[in-house]
Amino acid sequence: MSPVRRPVEVAGERCRIRDLRPEDADELLELRLRNRSFFEPFEPTLPPDHFTRRAQLDAIVHGNRAWDDDREYTFGITLPTGELAGRIRLSVVVRGPWQNANLGYYVDRDANGRGICTEAVGLVTRLAFERLELHRVQAAVMPRNAASIRVLEKNGFRREGIAPRYLRINGVWEDHAIFARTVEDAATN
């Protein structure tokens, strides 16, 4: 499978997803800084230098290299105005008999509750099955993150079980609920 060539932009009613570009580094940094305390309970502890323009630019460049190697696909989530409102990524893309990727996402606190994340997950999942020709997309969510669980359920992801002490989040090994969807599920939704 060859990677999908950039640029990629897919529009929905509430948002768009598009590949991130080096010129997005400043806006991505602003998003991360504005939401630092909001995201903190749900992600690994990040070093202070993560919250610099250089780190955001490096992440974009690294992500684009991984995109070109068909290892991960990182998208910005933008509002209809073009403003960056979040990020969504298909990571750990595995080809061969598995054809799987992990799904991760975050959305600006001010964009929460408006269906933007739900739509972005739907757009990326459809792209994963139709253009990337993946068979399975999976996501891991802390059981207390009810909003994220709703996003996945609204997109037809099924709960597969609990992975004890799955990821170290904010300094604590946290259990995660594993959700997945396969291309066959997509055909029935």
N, C-alpha and C. Protein backbone atom coordinates (compact mmCIF):
# COMPACT_ATOMS: atom_id res chain seq x y z
N MET A 1 0.85 -1.19 0.00
CA MET A 1 0.00 0.00 0.00
C MET A 1 0.88 1.23 0.00
N SER A 2 0.63 2.15 -0.90
CA SER A 2 1.32 3.43 -0.93
C SER A 2 0.57 4.42 -0.06
N PRO A 3 1.30 5.29 0.61
CA PRO A 3 0.60 6.28 1.44
C PRO A 3 -0.25 7.21 0.58
N VAL A 4 -1.28 7.75 1.18
CA VAL A 4 -2.10 8.77 0.52
C VAL A 4 -1.25 10.01 0.41
N ARG A 5 -1.21 10.59 -0.75
CA ARG A 5 -0.36 11.76 -0.97
C ARG A 5 -0.98 13.00 -0.36
N ARG A 6 -0.12 13.83 0.23
CA ARG A 6 -0.53 15.12 0.76
C ARG A 6 -0.52 16.14 -0.37
N PRO A 7 -1.29 17.18 -0.32
CA PRO A 7 -2.21 17.57 0.75
C PRO A 7 -3.51 16.78 0.70
N VAL A 8 -4.10 16.62 1.87
CA VAL A 8 -5.39 15.96 2.01
C VAL A 8 -6.28 16.89 2.82
N GLU A 9 -7.47 17.09 2.33
CA GLU A 9 -8.47 17.85 3.07
C GLU A 9 -9.83 17.20 2.83
N VAL A 10 -10.53 16.91 3.92
CA VAL A 10 -11.85 16.31 3.83
C VAL A 10 -12.79 17.18 4.65
N ALA A 11 -13.87 17.63 4.02
CA ALA A 11 -14.79 18.54 4.68
C ALA A 11 -16.05 17.83 5.15
N GLY A 12 -16.49 18.20 6.34
CA GLY A 12 -17.78 17.79 6.87
C GLY A 12 -18.63 19.03 7.03
N GLU A 13 -19.71 18.90 7.76
CA GLU A 13 -20.58 20.05 8.00
C GLU A 13 -20.04 20.97 9.09
N ARG A 14 -19.45 20.38 10.14
CA ARG A 14 -18.98 21.16 11.29
C ARG A 14 -17.48 21.45 11.27
N CYS A 15 -16.74 20.61 10.55
CA CYS A 15 -15.27 20.76 10.56
C CYS A 15 -14.68 20.17 9.29
N ARG A 16 -13.39 20.37 9.20
CA ARG A 16 -12.57 19.75 8.15
C ARG A 16 -11.41 19.04 8.83
N ILE A 17 -10.90 18.03 8.18
CA ILE A 17 -9.62 17.47 8.60
C ILE A 17 -8.65 17.69 7.45
N ARG A 18 -7.43 18.01 7.79
CA ARG A 18 -6.41 18.20 6.75
C ARG A 18 -5.05 17.89 7.33
N ASP A 19 -4.14 17.52 6.43
CA ASP A 19 -2.78 17.25 6.88
C ASP A 19 -2.19 18.52 7.50
N LEU A 20 -1.36 18.33 8.52
CA LEU A 20 -0.70 19.47 9.16
C LEU A 20 0.53 19.87 8.35
N ARG A 21 0.81 21.16 8.34
CA ARG A 21 1.93 21.71 7.57
C ARG A 21 2.81 22.54 8.49
N PRO A 22 4.08 22.72 8.15
CA PRO A 22 4.96 23.50 9.02
C PRO A 22 4.40 24.86 9.41
N GLU A 23 3.66 25.49 8.52
CA GLU A 23 3.10 26.81 8.84
C GLU A 23 2.00 26.75 9.90
N ASP A 24 1.60 25.54 10.31
CA ASP A 24 0.61 25.37 11.38
C ASP A 24 1.23 25.37 12.77
N ALA A 25 2.56 25.42 12.87
CA ALA A 25 3.23 25.26 14.17
C ALA A 25 2.78 26.30 15.19
N ASP A 26 2.69 27.56 14.81
CA ASP A 26 2.29 28.60 15.76
C ASP A 26 0.86 28.38 16.27
N GLU A 27 -0.04 28.07 15.35
CA GLU A 27 -1.44 27.87 15.75
C GLU A 27 -1.59 26.60 16.60
N LEU A 28 -0.81 25.56 16.28
CA LEU A 28 -0.85 24.34 17.07
C LEU A 28 -0.31 24.61 18.48
N LEU A 29 0.75 25.40 18.57
CA LEU A 29 1.28 25.78 19.88
C LEU A 29 0.23 26.55 20.69
N GLU A 30 -0.43 27.51 20.07
CA GLU A 30 -1.47 28.28 20.78
C GLU A 30 -2.58 27.36 21.29
N LEU A 31 -2.98 26.39 20.47
CA LEU A 31 -4.00 25.43 20.86
C LEU A 31 -3.54 24.62 22.07
N ARG A 32 -2.30 24.13 22.02
CA ARG A 32 -1.76 23.33 23.13
C ARG A 32 -1.64 24.17 24.41
N LEU A 33 -1.17 25.39 24.30
CA LEU A 33 -1.03 26.25 25.48
C LEU A 33 -2.38 26.61 26.08
N ARG A 34 -3.33 26.94 25.23
CA ARG A 34 -4.67 27.33 25.68
C ARG A 34 -5.39 26.18 26.40
N ASN A 35 -5.06 24.95 26.04
CA ASN A 35 -5.74 23.77 26.57
C ASN A 35 -4.87 22.92 27.48
N ARG A 36 -3.75 23.46 27.91
CA ARG A 36 -2.79 22.66 28.67
C ARG A 36 -3.43 21.99 29.89
N SER A 37 -4.10 22.75 30.72
CA SER A 37 -4.70 22.16 31.93
C SER A 37 -5.93 21.31 31.58
N PHE A 38 -6.63 21.64 30.50
CA PHE A 38 -7.79 20.87 30.07
C PHE A 38 -7.39 19.47 29.60
N PHE A 39 -6.28 19.36 28.86
CA PHE A 39 -5.83 18.07 28.33
C PHE A 39 -5.06 17.24 29.37
N GLU A 40 -4.46 17.91 30.34
CA GLU A 40 -3.55 17.25 31.28
C GLU A 40 -4.09 15.96 31.93
N PRO A 41 -5.34 15.90 32.37
CA PRO A 41 -5.83 14.66 33.00
C PRO A 41 -5.95 13.47 32.06
N PHE A 42 -5.81 13.71 30.74
CA PHE A 42 -6.09 12.66 29.76
C PHE A 42 -4.88 12.25 28.92
N GLU A 43 -3.71 12.83 29.19
CA GLU A 43 -2.57 12.48 28.36
C GLU A 43 -1.31 12.28 29.19
N PRO A 44 -0.32 11.63 28.62
CA PRO A 44 0.94 11.45 29.35
C PRO A 44 1.52 12.79 29.78
N THR A 45 2.31 12.76 30.85
CA THR A 45 2.99 13.97 31.29
C THR A 45 3.95 14.41 30.20
N LEU A 46 3.84 15.65 29.81
CA LEU A 46 4.66 16.19 28.73
C LEU A 46 5.77 17.07 29.29
N PRO A 47 6.96 17.00 28.69
CA PRO A 47 8.04 17.86 29.17
C PRO A 47 7.74 19.32 28.86
N PRO A 48 8.31 20.24 29.65
CA PRO A 48 8.04 21.67 29.41
C PRO A 48 8.37 22.12 27.98
N ASP A 49 9.40 21.52 27.37
CA ASP A 49 9.75 21.97 26.02
C ASP A 49 8.75 21.52 24.95
N HIS A 50 7.79 20.66 25.32
CA HIS A 50 6.72 20.30 24.39
C HIS A 50 5.90 21.55 24.03
N PHE A 51 5.83 22.48 24.94
CA PHE A 51 5.01 23.68 24.77
C PHE A 51 5.84 24.83 24.19
N THR A 52 6.57 24.49 23.10
CA THR A 52 7.35 25.48 22.37
C THR A 52 7.03 25.35 20.88
N ARG A 53 7.29 26.41 20.16
CA ARG A 53 7.07 26.38 18.72
C ARG A 53 7.96 25.32 18.08
N ARG A 54 9.19 25.23 18.52
CA ARG A 54 10.14 24.25 17.96
C ARG A 54 9.59 22.82 18.10
N ALA A 55 9.06 22.49 19.27
CA ALA A 55 8.53 21.14 19.49
C ALA A 55 7.33 20.87 18.60
N GLN A 56 6.47 21.86 18.42
CA GLN A 56 5.30 21.67 17.57
C GLN A 56 5.72 21.52 16.10
N LEU A 57 6.68 22.32 15.68
CA LEU A 57 7.19 22.20 14.32
C LEU A 57 7.84 20.83 14.12
N ASP A 58 8.66 20.40 15.08
CA ASP A 58 9.29 19.08 14.99
C ASP A 58 8.24 17.97 14.90
N ALA A 59 7.17 18.08 15.69
CA ALA A 59 6.11 17.07 15.65
C ALA A 59 5.43 17.03 14.28
N ILE A 60 5.22 18.18 13.68
CA ILE A 60 4.61 18.23 12.35
C ILE A 60 5.54 17.60 11.32
N VAL A 61 6.82 17.97 11.36
CA VAL A 61 7.79 17.42 10.40
C VAL A 61 7.92 15.91 10.58
N HIS A 62 8.02 15.46 11.83
CA HIS A 62 8.10 14.02 12.11
C HIS A 62 6.83 13.32 11.61
N GLY A 63 5.68 13.91 11.89
CA GLY A 63 4.42 13.33 11.44
C GLY A 63 4.33 13.23 9.93
N ASN A 64 4.85 14.22 9.23
CA ASN A 64 4.81 14.18 7.77
C ASN A 64 5.75 13.11 7.21
N ARG A 65 6.90 12.92 7.87
CA ARG A 65 7.79 11.83 7.46
C ARG A 65 7.12 10.48 7.68
N ALA A 66 6.46 10.33 8.83
CA ALA A 66 5.76 9.08 9.13
C ALA A 66 4.61 8.87 8.14
N TRP A 67 3.95 9.95 7.75
CA TRP A 67 2.88 9.88 6.73
C TRP A 67 3.46 9.32 5.44
N ASP A 68 4.58 9.91 5.00
CA ASP A 68 5.19 9.49 3.74
C ASP A 68 5.66 8.04 3.78
N ASP A 69 5.93 7.53 4.98
CA ASP A 69 6.35 6.13 5.16
C ASP A 69 5.18 5.21 5.47
N ASP A 70 3.94 5.72 5.44
CA ASP A 70 2.74 4.94 5.72
C ASP A 70 2.76 4.35 7.14
N ARG A 71 3.31 5.14 8.11
CA ARG A 71 3.36 4.68 9.50
C ARG A 71 2.35 5.39 10.39
N GLU A 72 1.98 6.62 10.03
CA GLU A 72 0.96 7.36 10.78
C GLU A 72 0.44 8.49 9.91
N TYR A 73 -0.76 8.92 10.23
CA TYR A 73 -1.42 9.99 9.48
C TYR A 73 -2.00 10.97 10.50
N THR A 74 -1.42 12.18 10.55
CA THR A 74 -1.84 13.19 11.51
C THR A 74 -2.56 14.32 10.77
N PHE A 75 -3.72 14.69 11.30
CA PHE A 75 -4.55 15.72 10.69
C PHE A 75 -4.85 16.82 11.69
N GLY A 76 -4.94 18.03 11.20
CA GLY A 76 -5.51 19.10 11.99
C GLY A 76 -7.02 19.05 11.82
N ILE A 77 -7.73 19.39 12.87
CA ILE A 77 -9.18 19.54 12.80
C ILE A 77 -9.43 21.04 12.75
N THR A 78 -10.04 21.49 11.68
CA THR A 78 -10.29 22.92 11.54
C THR A 78 -11.79 23.20 11.50
N LEU A 79 -12.12 24.37 11.98
CA LEU A 79 -13.50 24.86 11.91
C LEU A 79 -13.76 25.36 10.49
N PRO A 80 -15.01 25.58 10.11
CA PRO A 80 -15.29 26.13 8.77
C PRO A 80 -14.57 27.45 8.50
N THR A 81 -14.24 28.19 9.57
CA THR A 81 -13.50 29.46 9.41
C THR A 81 -12.03 29.23 9.08
N GLY A 82 -11.56 27.97 9.20
CA GLY A 82 -10.16 27.66 8.97
C GLY A 82 -9.33 27.58 10.24
N GLU A 83 -9.89 28.01 11.37
CA GLU A 83 -9.17 27.99 12.64
C GLU A 83 -8.91 26.56 13.10
N LEU A 84 -7.69 26.30 13.55
CA LEU A 84 -7.32 24.99 14.06
C LEU A 84 -8.00 24.75 15.40
N ALA A 85 -8.79 23.66 15.49
CA ALA A 85 -9.55 23.38 16.71
C ALA A 85 -9.14 22.07 17.37
N GLY A 86 -8.21 21.34 16.75
CA GLY A 86 -7.78 20.08 17.35
C GLY A 86 -6.87 19.32 16.43
N ARG A 87 -6.56 18.10 16.89
CA ARG A 87 -5.71 17.21 16.10
C ARG A 87 -6.27 15.80 16.21
N ILE A 88 -6.14 15.04 15.13
CA ILE A 88 -6.57 13.65 15.12
C ILE A 88 -5.52 12.85 14.36
N ARG A 89 -5.20 11.67 14.89
CA ARG A 89 -4.10 10.91 14.29
C ARG A 89 -4.41 9.42 14.25
N LEU A 90 -4.07 8.83 13.13
CA LEU A 90 -4.00 7.38 12.99
C LEU A 90 -2.53 7.03 13.15
N SER A 91 -2.18 6.35 14.23
CA SER A 91 -0.78 6.03 14.50
C SER A 91 -0.58 4.53 14.53
N VAL A 92 0.67 4.14 14.59
CA VAL A 92 1.06 2.73 14.63
C VAL A 92 0.31 1.96 13.53
N VAL A 93 0.40 2.47 12.31
CA VAL A 93 -0.22 1.79 11.17
C VAL A 93 0.56 0.51 10.92
N VAL A 94 -0.15 -0.60 10.95
CA VAL A 94 0.46 -1.91 10.70
C VAL A 94 -0.20 -2.50 9.47
N ARG A 95 0.61 -2.88 8.52
CA ARG A 95 0.10 -3.49 7.28
C ARG A 95 0.20 -5.01 7.41
N GLY A 96 0.24 -5.71 6.31
CA GLY A 96 0.28 -7.16 6.36
C GLY A 96 -1.07 -7.72 6.75
N PRO A 97 -1.10 -8.82 7.50
CA PRO A 97 -2.39 -9.44 7.80
C PRO A 97 -3.26 -8.66 8.78
N TRP A 98 -2.70 -7.66 9.50
CA TRP A 98 -3.51 -6.95 10.49
C TRP A 98 -4.24 -5.75 9.91
N GLN A 99 -3.55 -4.91 9.12
CA GLN A 99 -4.15 -3.72 8.51
C GLN A 99 -4.87 -2.87 9.55
N ASN A 100 -4.14 -2.43 10.57
CA ASN A 100 -4.72 -1.77 11.74
C ASN A 100 -4.03 -0.43 12.00
N ALA A 101 -4.73 0.46 12.68
CA ALA A 101 -4.13 1.71 13.17
C ALA A 101 -4.80 2.08 14.49
N ASN A 102 -4.05 2.80 15.32
CA ASN A 102 -4.60 3.37 16.55
C ASN A 102 -5.11 4.77 16.26
N LEU A 103 -6.20 5.12 16.90
CA LEU A 103 -6.82 6.43 16.72
C LEU A 103 -6.66 7.24 18.00
N GLY A 104 -6.21 8.47 17.88
CA GLY A 104 -6.13 9.39 19.00
C GLY A 104 -6.54 10.78 18.55
N TYR A 105 -7.09 11.57 19.47
CA TYR A 105 -7.60 12.89 19.08
C TYR A 105 -7.71 13.79 20.30
N TYR A 106 -7.71 15.08 20.03
CA TYR A 106 -8.08 16.08 21.03
C TYR A 106 -8.70 17.27 20.33
N VAL A 107 -9.59 17.94 21.05
CA VAL A 107 -10.28 19.11 20.50
C VAL A 107 -10.27 20.21 21.56
N ASP A 108 -10.09 21.41 21.10
CA ASP A 108 -10.09 22.60 21.94
C ASP A 108 -11.30 22.58 22.88
N ARG A 109 -11.06 22.99 24.10
CA ARG A 109 -12.14 23.03 25.10
C ARG A 109 -13.36 23.81 24.59
N ASP A 110 -13.11 24.92 23.90
CA ASP A 110 -14.22 25.74 23.39
C ASP A 110 -14.99 25.06 22.26
N ALA A 111 -14.42 24.01 21.65
CA ALA A 111 -15.10 23.29 20.58
C ALA A 111 -15.84 22.05 21.09
N ASN A 112 -15.67 21.73 22.37
CA ASN A 112 -16.32 20.56 22.95
C ASN A 112 -17.83 20.72 22.97
N GLY A 113 -18.52 19.59 22.82
CA GLY A 113 -19.98 19.58 22.92
C GLY A 113 -20.71 20.10 21.70
N ARG A 114 -19.98 20.31 20.61
CA ARG A 114 -20.60 20.85 19.39
C ARG A 114 -20.60 19.86 18.24
N GLY A 115 -20.20 18.60 18.50
CA GLY A 115 -20.18 17.58 17.47
C GLY A 115 -18.97 17.61 16.57
N ILE A 116 -18.03 18.50 16.86
CA ILE A 116 -16.85 18.64 16.00
C ILE A 116 -15.96 17.41 16.09
N CYS A 117 -15.69 16.95 17.29
CA CYS A 117 -14.84 15.77 17.45
C CYS A 117 -15.52 14.53 16.88
N THR A 118 -16.81 14.39 17.11
CA THR A 118 -17.56 13.26 16.56
C THR A 118 -17.44 13.24 15.04
N GLU A 119 -17.63 14.39 14.43
CA GLU A 119 -17.54 14.45 12.98
C GLU A 119 -16.11 14.16 12.50
N ALA A 120 -15.11 14.71 13.17
CA ALA A 120 -13.71 14.48 12.78
C ALA A 120 -13.36 13.00 12.85
N VAL A 121 -13.80 12.33 13.92
CA VAL A 121 -13.54 10.89 14.03
C VAL A 121 -14.21 10.15 12.87
N GLY A 122 -15.42 10.52 12.53
CA GLY A 122 -16.10 9.90 11.39
C GLY A 122 -15.36 10.12 10.08
N LEU A 123 -14.89 11.34 9.86
CA LEU A 123 -14.15 11.64 8.62
C LEU A 123 -12.86 10.83 8.52
N VAL A 124 -12.11 10.76 9.63
CA VAL A 124 -10.84 10.03 9.62
C VAL A 124 -11.08 8.53 9.49
N THR A 125 -12.10 8.03 10.15
CA THR A 125 -12.39 6.59 10.07
C THR A 125 -12.76 6.21 8.65
N ARG A 126 -13.59 7.01 8.02
CA ARG A 126 -13.97 6.75 6.63
C ARG A 126 -12.73 6.79 5.72
N LEU A 127 -11.86 7.77 5.92
CA LEU A 127 -10.63 7.86 5.14
C LEU A 127 -9.76 6.62 5.38
N ALA A 128 -9.69 6.16 6.63
CA ALA A 128 -8.88 4.98 6.96
C ALA A 128 -9.34 3.76 6.18
N PHE A 129 -10.65 3.58 6.07
CA PHE A 129 -11.18 2.40 5.38
C PHE A 129 -11.17 2.57 3.86
N GLU A 130 -11.54 3.74 3.38
CA GLU A 130 -11.71 3.92 1.94
C GLU A 130 -10.41 4.27 1.22
N ARG A 131 -9.60 5.13 1.79
CA ARG A 131 -8.39 5.57 1.07
C ARG A 131 -7.12 4.87 1.54
N LEU A 132 -7.04 4.60 2.84
CA LEU A 132 -5.85 3.91 3.37
C LEU A 132 -5.99 2.40 3.31
N GLU A 133 -7.19 1.94 3.04
CA GLU A 133 -7.49 0.51 2.91
C GLU A 133 -7.12 -0.27 4.16
N LEU A 134 -7.34 0.34 5.33
CA LEU A 134 -7.16 -0.37 6.59
C LEU A 134 -8.36 -1.27 6.84
N HIS A 135 -8.17 -2.29 7.62
CA HIS A 135 -9.27 -3.19 7.99
C HIS A 135 -9.84 -2.83 9.35
N ARG A 136 -8.99 -2.29 10.24
CA ARG A 136 -9.40 -2.05 11.62
C ARG A 136 -8.81 -0.74 12.13
N VAL A 137 -9.61 -0.01 12.90
CA VAL A 137 -9.15 1.18 13.61
C VAL A 137 -9.55 0.98 15.06
N GLN A 138 -8.60 1.20 15.97
CA GLN A 138 -8.89 1.02 17.39
C GLN A 138 -8.49 2.25 18.18
N ALA A 139 -9.14 2.41 19.32
CA ALA A 139 -8.87 3.54 20.21
C ALA A 139 -8.91 3.06 21.65
N ALA A 140 -8.10 3.68 22.49
CA ALA A 140 -8.07 3.36 23.92
C ALA A 140 -8.46 4.62 24.69
N VAL A 141 -9.42 4.47 25.62
CA VAL A 141 -9.97 5.61 26.35
C VAL A 141 -10.08 5.25 27.82
N MET A 142 -9.67 6.17 28.69
CA MET A 142 -9.89 5.95 30.11
C MET A 142 -11.39 5.86 30.38
N PRO A 143 -11.82 4.87 31.16
CA PRO A 143 -13.26 4.69 31.39
C PRO A 143 -13.97 5.93 31.93
N ARG A 144 -13.27 6.81 32.63
CA ARG A 144 -13.92 8.01 33.17
C ARG A 144 -14.09 9.13 32.12
N ASN A 145 -13.51 8.95 30.93
CA ASN A 145 -13.61 9.96 29.88
C ASN A 145 -14.89 9.72 29.06
N ALA A 146 -16.02 10.02 29.68
CA ALA A 146 -17.33 9.74 29.09
C ALA A 146 -17.53 10.45 27.75
N ALA A 147 -17.03 11.66 27.61
CA ALA A 147 -17.22 12.42 26.37
C ALA A 147 -16.52 11.72 25.20
N SER A 148 -15.31 11.25 25.43
CA SER A 148 -14.58 10.56 24.37
C SER A 148 -15.23 9.23 24.03
N ILE A 149 -15.73 8.54 25.03
CA ILE A 149 -16.44 7.27 24.78
C ILE A 149 -17.67 7.53 23.91
N ARG A 150 -18.41 8.60 24.20
CA ARG A 150 -19.58 8.94 23.38
C ARG A 150 -19.19 9.21 21.93
N VAL A 151 -18.08 9.91 21.73
CA VAL A 151 -17.60 10.19 20.36
C VAL A 151 -17.39 8.88 19.61
N LEU A 152 -16.74 7.92 20.24
CA LEU A 152 -16.47 6.64 19.58
C LEU A 152 -17.76 5.86 19.33
N GLU A 153 -18.62 5.80 20.33
CA GLU A 153 -19.88 5.06 20.16
C GLU A 153 -20.74 5.65 19.06
N LYS A 154 -20.78 6.98 18.96
CA LYS A 154 -21.57 7.63 17.90
C LYS A 154 -21.03 7.29 16.52
N ASN A 155 -19.75 6.88 16.46
CA ASN A 155 -19.12 6.52 15.19
C ASN A 155 -19.07 5.01 14.97
N GLY A 156 -19.85 4.26 15.73
CA GLY A 156 -19.95 2.83 15.50
C GLY A 156 -18.82 1.99 16.05
N PHE A 157 -17.99 2.56 16.91
CA PHE A 157 -16.93 1.77 17.55
C PHE A 157 -17.56 0.91 18.64
N ARG A 158 -17.11 -0.32 18.74
CA ARG A 158 -17.62 -1.24 19.76
C ARG A 158 -16.58 -1.37 20.88
N ARG A 159 -17.06 -1.51 22.08
CA ARG A 159 -16.20 -1.71 23.24
C ARG A 159 -15.75 -3.17 23.25
N GLU A 160 -14.43 -3.38 23.33
CA GLU A 160 -13.90 -4.74 23.29
C GLU A 160 -13.43 -5.23 24.65
N GLY A 161 -13.19 -4.33 25.57
CA GLY A 161 -12.74 -4.76 26.89
C GLY A 161 -11.90 -3.70 27.57
N ILE A 162 -11.34 -4.08 28.71
CA ILE A 162 -10.49 -3.18 29.49
C ILE A 162 -9.05 -3.68 29.44
N ALA A 163 -8.14 -2.77 29.21
CA ALA A 163 -6.71 -3.06 29.27
C ALA A 163 -6.19 -2.45 30.58
N PRO A 164 -5.91 -3.29 31.59
CA PRO A 164 -5.45 -2.77 32.88
C PRO A 164 -4.08 -2.07 32.75
N ARG A 165 -3.96 -0.94 33.44
CA ARG A 165 -2.70 -0.19 33.49
C ARG A 165 -2.09 -0.04 32.09
N TYR A 166 -2.88 0.37 31.16
CA TYR A 166 -2.53 0.42 29.74
C TYR A 166 -1.52 1.52 29.40
N LEU A 167 -1.77 2.73 29.90
CA LEU A 167 -0.89 3.86 29.60
C LEU A 167 -0.64 4.66 30.87
N ARG A 168 0.54 5.26 30.92
CA ARG A 168 0.87 6.14 32.04
C ARG A 168 0.38 7.54 31.70
N ILE A 169 -0.67 7.95 32.37
CA ILE A 169 -1.31 9.24 32.12
C ILE A 169 -1.12 10.13 33.33
N ASN A 170 -0.54 11.29 33.08
CA ASN A 170 -0.35 12.26 34.16
C ASN A 170 0.30 11.60 35.39
N GLY A 171 1.26 10.70 35.12
CA GLY A 171 2.04 10.07 36.18
C GLY A 171 1.45 8.81 36.80
N VAL A 172 0.27 8.36 36.33
CA VAL A 172 -0.40 7.20 36.91
C VAL A 172 -0.70 6.18 35.80
N TRP A 173 -0.43 4.90 36.08
CA TRP A 173 -0.79 3.85 35.12
C TRP A 173 -2.30 3.68 35.14
N GLU A 174 -2.94 4.04 34.04
CA GLU A 174 -4.40 4.08 33.94
C GLU A 174 -4.95 2.92 33.10
N ASP A 175 -6.04 2.33 33.58
CA ASP A 175 -6.79 1.37 32.77
C ASP A 175 -7.41 2.12 31.59
N HIS A 176 -7.58 1.42 30.48
CA HIS A 176 -8.23 2.00 29.31
C HIS A 176 -9.24 1.01 28.75
N ALA A 177 -10.36 1.53 28.31
CA ALA A 177 -11.33 0.74 27.55
C ALA A 177 -10.87 0.75 26.10
N ILE A 178 -10.86 -0.42 25.49
CA ILE A 178 -10.45 -0.55 24.09
C ILE A 178 -11.71 -0.59 23.23
N PHE A 179 -11.73 0.27 22.23
CA PHE A 179 -12.83 0.35 21.26
C PHE A 179 -12.25 0.07 19.88
N ALA A 180 -13.04 -0.52 19.01
CA ALA A 180 -12.56 -0.78 17.65
C ALA A 180 -13.73 -0.79 16.68
N ARG A 181 -13.35 -0.62 15.44
CA ARG A 181 -14.31 -0.70 14.33
C ARG A 181 -13.56 -1.31 13.16
N THR A 182 -14.19 -2.19 12.42
CA THR A 182 -13.57 -2.77 11.24
C THR A 182 -14.32 -2.31 10.00
N VAL A 183 -13.72 -2.54 8.86
CA VAL A 183 -14.34 -2.13 7.62
C VAL A 183 -15.71 -2.79 7.45
N GLU A 184 -15.88 -4.02 7.96
CA GLU A 184 -17.18 -4.67 7.88
C GLU A 184 -18.22 -3.91 8.71
N ASP A 185 -17.80 -3.39 9.87
CA ASP A 185 -18.69 -2.58 10.69
C ASP A 185 -19.10 -1.32 9.93
N ALA A 186 -18.16 -0.76 9.21
CA ALA A 186 -18.45 0.45 8.46
C ALA A 186 -19.51 0.20 7.39
N ALA A 187 -19.49 -0.99 6.81
CA ALA A 187 -20.46 -1.31 5.76
C ALA A 187 -21.86 -1.48 6.32
N THR A 188 -21.96 -1.79 7.62
CA THR A 188 -23.29 -2.00 8.21
C THR A 188 -23.85 -0.76 8.88
N ASN A 189 -23.05 0.29 9.03
CA ASN A 189 -23.53 1.52 9.71
C ASN A 189 -24.03 2.53 8.71
